[in-house]
Amino acid sequence: MAGYENYLAVVYHSGPSIYGCQSLRMKVIDMSTRKYKTIIDCECPISRQAVIVWFGFSDEGQLYSFDTEGVMRSFSFVSE
């Protein structure tokens, strides 16, 4: 999990691993109201045979992940 301002980002297993590839999903939730609106609900890519080492927001609010293969990924989302 990671947080930034009113946003909470969560990565979780959505199924079993297949041929060394993890099945991960990511949700970004707007926590500013009690409705907890989901902004993003999508797959979270990761390198084969890897695990996520770091997941979080930058100081500017950009969401990133970093895996054990040395791959950094950036995720974009637009809030309403």
PDB file of N, CA and C in Angstrom:
ATOM      1  N   MET A   1       0.836  -1.177   0.000  1.00  0.00           N
ATOM      2  CA  MET A   1       0.000   0.000   0.000  1.00  0.00           C
ATOM      3  C   MET A   1       0.880   1.238   0.000  1.00  0.00           C
ATOM      4  N   ALA A   2       0.326   2.301  -0.570  1.00  0.00           N
ATOM      5  CA  ALA A   2       1.004   3.590  -0.574  1.00  0.00           C
ATOM      6  C   ALA A   2      -0.061   4.677  -0.573  1.00  0.00           C
ATOM      7  N   GLY A   3       0.272   5.803   0.018  1.00  0.00           N
ATOM      8  CA  GLY A   3      -0.682   6.897   0.072  1.00  0.00           C
ATOM      9  C   GLY A   3      -0.077   8.207  -0.374  1.00  0.00           C
ATOM     10  N   TYR A   4      -0.932   9.065  -0.920  1.00  0.00           N
ATOM     11  CA  TYR A   4      -0.544  10.414  -1.317  1.00  0.00           C
ATOM     12  C   TYR A   4      -1.792  11.284  -1.238  1.00  0.00           C
ATOM     13  N   GLU A   5      -1.709  12.347  -0.454  1.00  0.00           N
ATOM     14  CA  GLU A   5      -2.848  13.237  -0.225  1.00  0.00           C
ATOM     15  C   GLU A   5      -4.085  12.410   0.094  1.00  0.00           C
ATOM     16  N   ASN A   6      -5.120  12.444  -0.760  1.00  0.00           N
ATOM     17  CA  ASN A   6      -6.356  11.698  -0.496  1.00  0.00           C
ATOM     18  C   ASN A   6      -6.407  10.336  -1.181  1.00  0.00           C
ATOM     19  N   TYR A   7      -5.293   9.883  -1.764  1.00  0.00           N
ATOM     20  CA  TYR A   7      -5.291   8.641  -2.534  1.00  0.00           C
ATOM     21  C   TYR A   7      -4.592   7.514  -1.780  1.00  0.00           C
ATOM     22  N   LEU A   8      -5.171   6.329  -1.903  1.00  0.00           N
ATOM     23  CA  LEU A   8      -4.582   5.115  -1.354  1.00  0.00           C
ATOM     24  C   LEU A   8      -4.403   4.137  -2.514  1.00  0.00           C
ATOM     25  N   ALA A   9      -3.189   3.664  -2.733  1.00  0.00           N
ATOM     26  CA  ALA A   9      -2.894   2.692  -3.788  1.00  0.00           C
ATOM     27  C   ALA A   9      -2.560   1.350  -3.141  1.00  0.00           C
ATOM     28  N   VAL A  10      -3.152   0.290  -3.665  1.00  0.00           N
ATOM     29  CA  VAL A  10      -2.976  -1.054  -3.106  1.00  0.00           C
ATOM     30  C   VAL A  10      -2.656  -2.019  -4.245  1.00  0.00           C
ATOM     31  N   VAL A  11      -1.619  -2.840  -4.073  1.00  0.00           N
ATOM     32  CA  VAL A  11      -1.299  -3.926  -5.010  1.00  0.00           C
ATOM     33  C   VAL A  11      -1.573  -5.229  -4.278  1.00  0.00           C
ATOM     34  N   TYR A  12      -2.243  -6.162  -4.981  1.00  0.00           N
ATOM     35  CA  TYR A  12      -2.619  -7.423  -4.340  1.00  0.00           C
ATOM     36  C   TYR A  12      -2.600  -8.554  -5.369  1.00  0.00           C
ATOM     37  N   HIS A  13      -2.480  -9.802  -4.861  1.00  0.00           N
ATOM     38  CA  HIS A  13      -2.528 -10.981  -5.725  1.00  0.00           C
ATOM     39  C   HIS A  13      -3.970 -11.214  -6.155  1.00  0.00           C
ATOM     40  N   SER A  14      -4.169 -11.388  -7.468  1.00  0.00           N
ATOM     41  CA  SER A  14      -5.521 -11.639  -7.964  1.00  0.00           C
ATOM     42  C   SER A  14      -5.708 -13.081  -8.424  1.00  0.00           C
ATOM     43  N   GLY A  15      -4.661 -13.864  -8.327  1.00  0.00           N
ATOM     44  CA  GLY A  15      -4.741 -15.267  -8.729  1.00  0.00           C
ATOM     45  C   GLY A  15      -3.399 -15.946  -8.548  1.00  0.00           C
ATOM     46  N   PRO A  16      -3.326 -17.219  -8.902  1.00  0.00           N
ATOM     47  CA  PRO A  16      -2.070 -17.958  -8.735  1.00  0.00           C
ATOM     48  C   PRO A  16      -1.017 -17.543  -9.757  1.00  0.00           C
ATOM     49  N   SER A  17       0.229 -17.799  -9.424  1.00  0.00           N
ATOM     50  CA  SER A  17       1.340 -17.547 -10.326  1.00  0.00           C
ATOM     51  C   SER A  17       1.322 -18.586 -11.450  1.00  0.00           C
ATOM     52  N   ILE A  18       1.560 -18.131 -12.688  1.00  0.00           N
ATOM     53  CA  ILE A  18       1.559 -19.034 -13.839  1.00  0.00           C
ATOM     54  C   ILE A  18       2.891 -18.873 -14.566  1.00  0.00           C
ATOM     55  N   TYR A  19       3.657 -19.955 -14.679  1.00  0.00           N
ATOM     56  CA  TYR A  19       4.956 -19.962 -15.351  1.00  0.00           C
ATOM     57  C   TYR A  19       5.888 -18.863 -14.833  1.00  0.00           C
ATOM     58  N   GLY A  20       5.874 -18.638 -13.545  1.00  0.00           N
ATOM     59  CA  GLY A  20       6.760 -17.657 -12.938  1.00  0.00           C
ATOM     60  C   GLY A  20       6.281 -16.218 -13.025  1.00  0.00           C
ATOM     61  N   CYS A  21       5.099 -16.007 -13.570  1.00  0.00           N
ATOM     62  CA  CYS A  21       4.539 -14.655 -13.675  1.00  0.00           C
ATOM     63  C   CYS A  21       3.458 -14.483 -12.614  1.00  0.00           C
ATOM     64  N   GLN A  22       3.642 -13.491 -11.771  1.00  0.00           N
ATOM     65  CA  GLN A  22       2.657 -13.226 -10.732  1.00  0.00           C
ATOM     66  C   GLN A  22       1.438 -12.541 -11.336  1.00  0.00           C
ATOM     67  N   SER A  23       0.304 -12.812 -10.764  1.00  0.00           N
ATOM     68  CA  SER A  23      -0.944 -12.189 -11.187  1.00  0.00           C
ATOM     69  C   SER A  23      -1.299 -11.116 -10.161  1.00  0.00           C
ATOM     70  N   LEU A  24      -0.891  -9.890 -10.456  1.00  0.00           N
ATOM     71  CA  LEU A  24      -1.099  -8.786  -9.522  1.00  0.00           C
ATOM     72  C   LEU A  24      -2.089  -7.784 -10.086  1.00  0.00           C
ATOM     73  N   ARG A  25      -2.857  -7.166  -9.213  1.00  0.00           N
ATOM     74  CA  ARG A  25      -3.765  -6.080  -9.578  1.00  0.00           C
ATOM     75  C   ARG A  25      -3.466  -4.891  -8.685  1.00  0.00           C
ATOM     76  N   MET A  26      -3.885  -3.727  -9.173  1.00  0.00           N
ATOM     77  CA  MET A  26      -3.654  -2.493  -8.450  1.00  0.00           C
ATOM     78  C   MET A  26      -4.961  -1.699  -8.396  1.00  0.00           C
ATOM     79  N   LYS A  27      -5.237  -1.126  -7.255  1.00  0.00           N
ATOM     80  CA  LYS A  27      -6.368  -0.217  -7.093  1.00  0.00           C
ATOM     81  C   LYS A  27      -5.853   1.091  -6.529  1.00  0.00           C
ATOM     82  N   VAL A  28      -6.382   2.181  -7.057  1.00  0.00           N
ATOM     83  CA  VAL A  28      -6.146   3.499  -6.478  1.00  0.00           C
ATOM     84  C   VAL A  28      -7.511   4.004  -6.043  1.00  0.00           C
ATOM     85  N   ILE A  29      -7.629   4.336  -4.772  1.00  0.00           N
ATOM     86  CA  ILE A  29      -8.902   4.716  -4.176  1.00  0.00           C
ATOM     87  C   ILE A  29      -8.823   6.151  -3.683  1.00  0.00           C
ATOM     88  N   ASP A  30      -9.851   6.938  -4.001  1.00  0.00           N
ATOM     89  CA  ASP A  30      -9.964   8.306  -3.516  1.00  0.00           C
ATOM     90  C   ASP A  30     -10.607   8.250  -2.136  1.00  0.00           C
ATOM     91  N   MET A  31      -9.855   8.596  -1.112  1.00  0.00           N
ATOM     92  CA  MET A  31     -10.320   8.497   0.271  1.00  0.00           C
ATOM     93  C   MET A  31     -10.883   9.824   0.799  1.00  0.00           C
ATOM     94  N   SER A  32     -11.106  10.809  -0.076  1.00  0.00           N
ATOM     95  CA  SER A  32     -11.521  12.140   0.378  1.00  0.00           C
ATOM     96  C   SER A  32     -12.959  12.172   0.888  1.00  0.00           C
ATOM     97  N   THR A  33     -13.786  11.215   0.477  1.00  0.00           N
ATOM     98  CA  THR A  33     -15.156  11.141   0.979  1.00  0.00           C
ATOM     99  C   THR A  33     -15.390   9.738   1.527  1.00  0.00           C
ATOM    100  N   ARG A  34     -16.501   9.546   2.163  1.00  0.00           N
ATOM    101  CA  ARG A  34     -16.814   8.218   2.710  1.00  0.00           C
ATOM    102  C   ARG A  34     -17.260   7.227   1.641  1.00  0.00           C
ATOM    103  N   LYS A  35     -17.375   7.672   0.393  1.00  0.00           N
ATOM    104  CA  LYS A  35     -17.763   6.768  -0.697  1.00  0.00           C
ATOM    105  C   LYS A  35     -16.587   5.931  -1.169  1.00  0.00           C
ATOM    106  N   TYR A  36     -15.353   6.367  -0.888  1.00  0.00           N
ATOM    107  CA  TYR A  36     -14.138   5.635  -1.256  1.00  0.00           C
ATOM    108  C   TYR A  36     -14.182   5.188  -2.723  1.00  0.00           C
ATOM    109  N   LYS A  37     -14.239   6.145  -3.619  1.00  0.00           N
ATOM    110  CA  LYS A  37     -14.359   5.886  -5.048  1.00  0.00           C
ATOM    111  C   LYS A  37     -13.063   5.293  -5.611  1.00  0.00           C
ATOM    112  N   THR A  38     -13.191   4.196  -6.372  1.00  0.00           N
ATOM    113  CA  THR A  38     -12.039   3.575  -7.026  1.00  0.00           C
ATOM    114  C   THR A  38     -11.717   4.349  -8.300  1.00  0.00           C
ATOM    115  N   ILE A  39     -10.501   4.893  -8.364  1.00  0.00           N
ATOM    116  CA  ILE A  39     -10.048   5.659  -9.519  1.00  0.00           C
ATOM    117  C   ILE A  39      -9.462   4.720 -10.577  1.00  0.00           C
ATOM    118  N   ILE A  40      -8.684   3.748 -10.131  1.00  0.00           N
ATOM    119  CA  ILE A  40      -8.061   2.759 -11.027  1.00  0.00           C
ATOM    120  C   ILE A  40      -8.288   1.365 -10.442  1.00  0.00           C
ATOM    121  N   ASP A  41      -8.601   0.420 -11.306  1.00  0.00           N
ATOM    122  CA  ASP A  41      -8.658  -0.997 -10.952  1.00  0.00           C
ATOM    123  C   ASP A  41      -8.139  -1.745 -12.170  1.00  0.00           C
ATOM    124  N   CYS A  42      -6.843  -2.071 -12.166  1.00  0.00           N
ATOM    125  CA  CYS A  42      -6.218  -2.660 -13.352  1.00  0.00           C
ATOM    126  C   CYS A  42      -5.125  -3.656 -12.945  1.00  0.00           C
ATOM    127  N   GLU A  43      -4.598  -4.354 -13.942  1.00  0.00           N
ATOM    128  CA  GLU A  43      -3.479  -5.254 -13.691  1.00  0.00           C
ATOM    129  C   GLU A  43      -2.232  -4.430 -13.388  1.00  0.00           C
ATOM    130  N   CYS A  44      -1.376  -4.986 -12.552  1.00  0.00           N
ATOM    131  CA  CYS A  44      -0.111  -4.336 -12.204  1.00  0.00           C
ATOM    132  C   CYS A  44       1.015  -5.178 -12.798  1.00  0.00           C
ATOM    133  N   PRO A  45       1.599  -4.727 -13.914  1.00  0.00           N
ATOM    134  CA  PRO A  45       2.645  -5.535 -14.563  1.00  0.00           C
ATOM    135  C   PRO A  45       3.896  -5.653 -13.708  1.00  0.00           C
ATOM    136  N   ILE A  46       4.568  -6.787 -13.876  1.00  0.00           N
ATOM    137  CA  ILE A  46       5.811  -7.053 -13.153  1.00  0.00           C
ATOM    138  C   ILE A  46       6.643  -7.995 -14.030  1.00  0.00           C
ATOM    139  N   SER A  47       7.952  -7.894 -13.933  1.00  0.00           N
ATOM    140  CA  SER A  47       8.833  -8.750 -14.725  1.00  0.00           C
ATOM    141  C   SER A  47       8.667 -10.211 -14.334  1.00  0.00           C
ATOM    142  N   ARG A  48       8.957 -11.108 -15.281  1.00  0.00           N
ATOM    143  CA  ARG A  48       8.869 -12.546 -15.026  1.00  0.00           C
ATOM    144  C   ARG A  48       9.888 -12.939 -13.952  1.00  0.00           C
ATOM    145  N   GLN A  49       9.493 -13.805 -13.049  1.00  0.00           N
ATOM    146  CA  GLN A  49      10.322 -14.306 -11.947  1.00  0.00           C
ATOM    147  C   GLN A  49      10.739 -13.193 -10.982  1.00  0.00           C
ATOM    148  N   ALA A  50      10.000 -12.109 -10.919  1.00  0.00           N
ATOM    149  CA  ALA A  50      10.366 -10.975 -10.060  1.00  0.00           C
ATOM    150  C   ALA A  50       9.310 -10.747  -8.986  1.00  0.00           C
ATOM    151  N   VAL A  51       9.688  -9.955  -8.005  1.00  0.00           N
ATOM    152  CA  VAL A  51       8.756  -9.483  -6.982  1.00  0.00           C
ATOM    153  C   VAL A  51       8.895  -7.963  -6.898  1.00  0.00           C
ATOM    154  N   ILE A  52       7.863  -7.326  -6.407  1.00  0.00           N
ATOM    155  CA  ILE A  52       7.916  -5.876  -6.245  1.00  0.00           C
ATOM    156  C   ILE A  52       8.766  -5.550  -5.023  1.00  0.00           C
ATOM    157  N   VAL A  53       9.760  -4.708  -5.225  1.00  0.00           N
ATOM    158  CA  VAL A  53      10.644  -4.277  -4.143  1.00  0.00           C
ATOM    159  C   VAL A  53      10.112  -2.990  -3.521  1.00  0.00           C
ATOM    160  N   TRP A  54       9.624  -2.089  -4.364  1.00  0.00           N
ATOM    161  CA  TRP A  54       9.135  -0.795  -3.884  1.00  0.00           C
ATOM    162  C   TRP A  54       7.923  -0.380  -4.697  1.00  0.00           C
ATOM    163  N   PHE A  55       6.955   0.226  -4.035  1.00  0.00           N
ATOM    164  CA  PHE A  55       5.730   0.710  -4.671  1.00  0.00           C
ATOM    165  C   PHE A  55       5.307   1.960  -3.926  1.00  0.00           C
ATOM    166  N   GLY A  56       5.140   3.072  -4.642  1.00  0.00           N
ATOM    167  CA  GLY A  56       4.740   4.278  -3.937  1.00  0.00           C
ATOM    168  C   GLY A  56       4.598   5.479  -4.842  1.00  0.00           C
ATOM    169  N   PHE A  57       4.280   6.592  -4.210  1.00  0.00           N
ATOM    170  CA  PHE A  57       4.097   7.858  -4.907  1.00  0.00           C
ATOM    171  C   PHE A  57       5.354   8.712  -4.784  1.00  0.00           C
ATOM    172  N   SER A  58       5.611   9.501  -5.831  1.00  0.00           N
ATOM    173  CA  SER A  58       6.688  10.490  -5.767  1.00  0.00           C
ATOM    174  C   SER A  58       6.172  11.706  -4.987  1.00  0.00           C
ATOM    175  N   ASP A  59       7.038  12.660  -4.751  1.00  0.00           N
ATOM    176  CA  ASP A  59       6.631  13.880  -4.054  1.00  0.00           C
ATOM    177  C   ASP A  59       5.571  14.655  -4.829  1.00  0.00           C
ATOM    178  N   GLU A  60       5.528  14.459  -6.151  1.00  0.00           N
ATOM    179  CA  GLU A  60       4.567  15.154  -6.995  1.00  0.00           C
ATOM    180  C   GLU A  60       3.272  14.366  -7.203  1.00  0.00           C
ATOM    181  N   GLY A  61       3.199  13.140  -6.675  1.00  0.00           N
ATOM    182  CA  GLY A  61       1.990  12.331  -6.793  1.00  0.00           C
ATOM    183  C   GLY A  61       1.996  11.316  -7.911  1.00  0.00           C
ATOM    184  N   GLN A  62       3.135  11.101  -8.566  1.00  0.00           N
ATOM    185  CA  GLN A  62       3.234  10.087  -9.617  1.00  0.00           C
ATOM    186  C   GLN A  62       3.426   8.724  -8.957  1.00  0.00           C
ATOM    187  N   LEU A  63       2.693   7.722  -9.423  1.00  0.00           N
ATOM    188  CA  LEU A  63       2.748   6.383  -8.841  1.00  0.00           C
ATOM    189  C   LEU A  63       3.767   5.525  -9.589  1.00  0.00           C
ATOM    190  N   TYR A  64       4.643   4.835  -8.843  1.00  0.00           N
ATOM    191  CA  TYR A  64       5.717   4.012  -9.417  1.00  0.00           C
ATOM    192  C   TYR A  64       5.770   2.651  -8.735  1.00  0.00           C
ATOM    193  N   SER A  65       6.333   1.670  -9.479  1.00  0.00           N
ATOM    194  CA  SER A  65       6.700   0.389  -8.876  1.00  0.00           C
ATOM    195  C   SER A  65       8.107   0.051  -9.351  1.00  0.00           C
ATOM    196  N   PHE A  66       8.815  -0.738  -8.548  1.00  0.00           N
ATOM    197  CA  PHE A  66      10.178  -1.165  -8.864  1.00  0.00           C
ATOM    198  C   PHE A  66      10.288  -2.629  -8.479  1.00  0.00           C
ATOM    199  N   ASP A  67      10.771  -3.470  -9.410  1.00  0.00           N
ATOM    200  CA  ASP A  67      10.850  -4.904  -9.118  1.00  0.00           C
ATOM    201  C   ASP A  67      12.292  -5.395  -9.024  1.00  0.00           C
ATOM    202  N   THR A  68      12.462  -6.671  -8.669  1.00  0.00           N
ATOM    203  CA  THR A  68      13.789  -7.237  -8.442  1.00  0.00           C
ATOM    204  C   THR A  68      14.600  -7.402  -9.725  1.00  0.00           C
ATOM    205  N   GLU A  69      14.004  -7.227 -10.887  1.00  0.00           N
ATOM    206  CA  GLU A  69      14.741  -7.245 -12.149  1.00  0.00           C
ATOM    207  C   GLU A  69      15.273  -5.856 -12.493  1.00  0.00           C
ATOM    208  N   GLY A  70      15.037  -4.892 -11.638  1.00  0.00           N
ATOM    209  CA  GLY A  70      15.531  -3.535 -11.850  1.00  0.00           C
ATOM    210  C   GLY A  70      14.656  -2.683 -12.756  1.00  0.00           C
ATOM    211  N   VAL A  71      13.424  -3.109 -12.975  1.00  0.00           N
ATOM    212  CA  VAL A  71      12.509  -2.377 -13.851  1.00  0.00           C
ATOM    213  C   VAL A  71      11.626  -1.459 -13.014  1.00  0.00           C
ATOM    214  N   MET A  72      11.632  -0.181 -13.366  1.00  0.00           N
ATOM    215  CA  MET A  72      10.752   0.792 -12.719  1.00  0.00           C
ATOM    216  C   MET A  72       9.623   1.115 -13.680  1.00  0.00           C
ATOM    217  N   ARG A  73       8.407   1.078 -13.164  1.00  0.00           N
ATOM    218  CA  ARG A  73       7.234   1.385 -13.977  1.00  0.00           C
ATOM    219  C   ARG A  73       6.506   2.581 -13.376  1.00  0.00           C
ATOM    220  N   SER A  74       5.953   3.398 -14.260  1.00  0.00           N
ATOM    221  CA  SER A  74       5.201   4.575 -13.854  1.00  0.00           C
ATOM    222  C   SER A  74       3.744   4.377 -14.253  1.00  0.00           C
ATOM    223  N   PHE A  75       2.825   4.760 -13.384  1.00  0.00           N
ATOM    224  CA  PHE A  75       1.404   4.618 -13.643  1.00  0.00           C
ATOM    225  C   PHE A  75       0.758   5.998 -13.647  1.00  0.00           C
ATOM    226  N   SER A  76      -0.145   6.193 -14.583  1.00  0.00           N
ATOM    227  CA  SER A  76      -0.833   7.481 -14.680  1.00  0.00           C
ATOM    228  C   SER A  76      -2.308   7.292 -14.346  1.00  0.00           C
ATOM    229  N   PHE A  77      -2.856   8.270 -13.662  1.00  0.00           N
ATOM    230  CA  PHE A  77      -4.286   8.293 -13.425  1.00  0.00           C
ATOM    231  C   PHE A  77      -4.733   9.747 -13.339  1.00  0.00           C
ATOM    232  N   VAL A  78      -5.966   9.966 -13.725  1.00  0.00           N
ATOM    233  CA  VAL A  78      -6.524  11.313 -13.720  1.00  0.00           C
ATOM    234  C   VAL A  78      -7.672  11.327 -12.731  1.00  0.00           C
ATOM    235  N   SER A  79      -7.594  12.209 -11.768  1.00  0.00           N
ATOM    236  CA  SER A  79      -8.694  12.341 -10.810  1.00  0.00           C
ATOM    237  C   SER A  79      -9.709  13.324 -11.355  1.00  0.00           C
ATOM    238  N   GLU A  80     -10.950  13.136 -10.959  1.00  0.00           N
ATOM    239  CA  GLU A  80     -12.017  14.015 -11.438  1.00  0.00           C
ATOM    240  C   GLU A  80     -12.163  15.229 -10.556  1.00  0.00           C
TER     241      GLU A  80
END
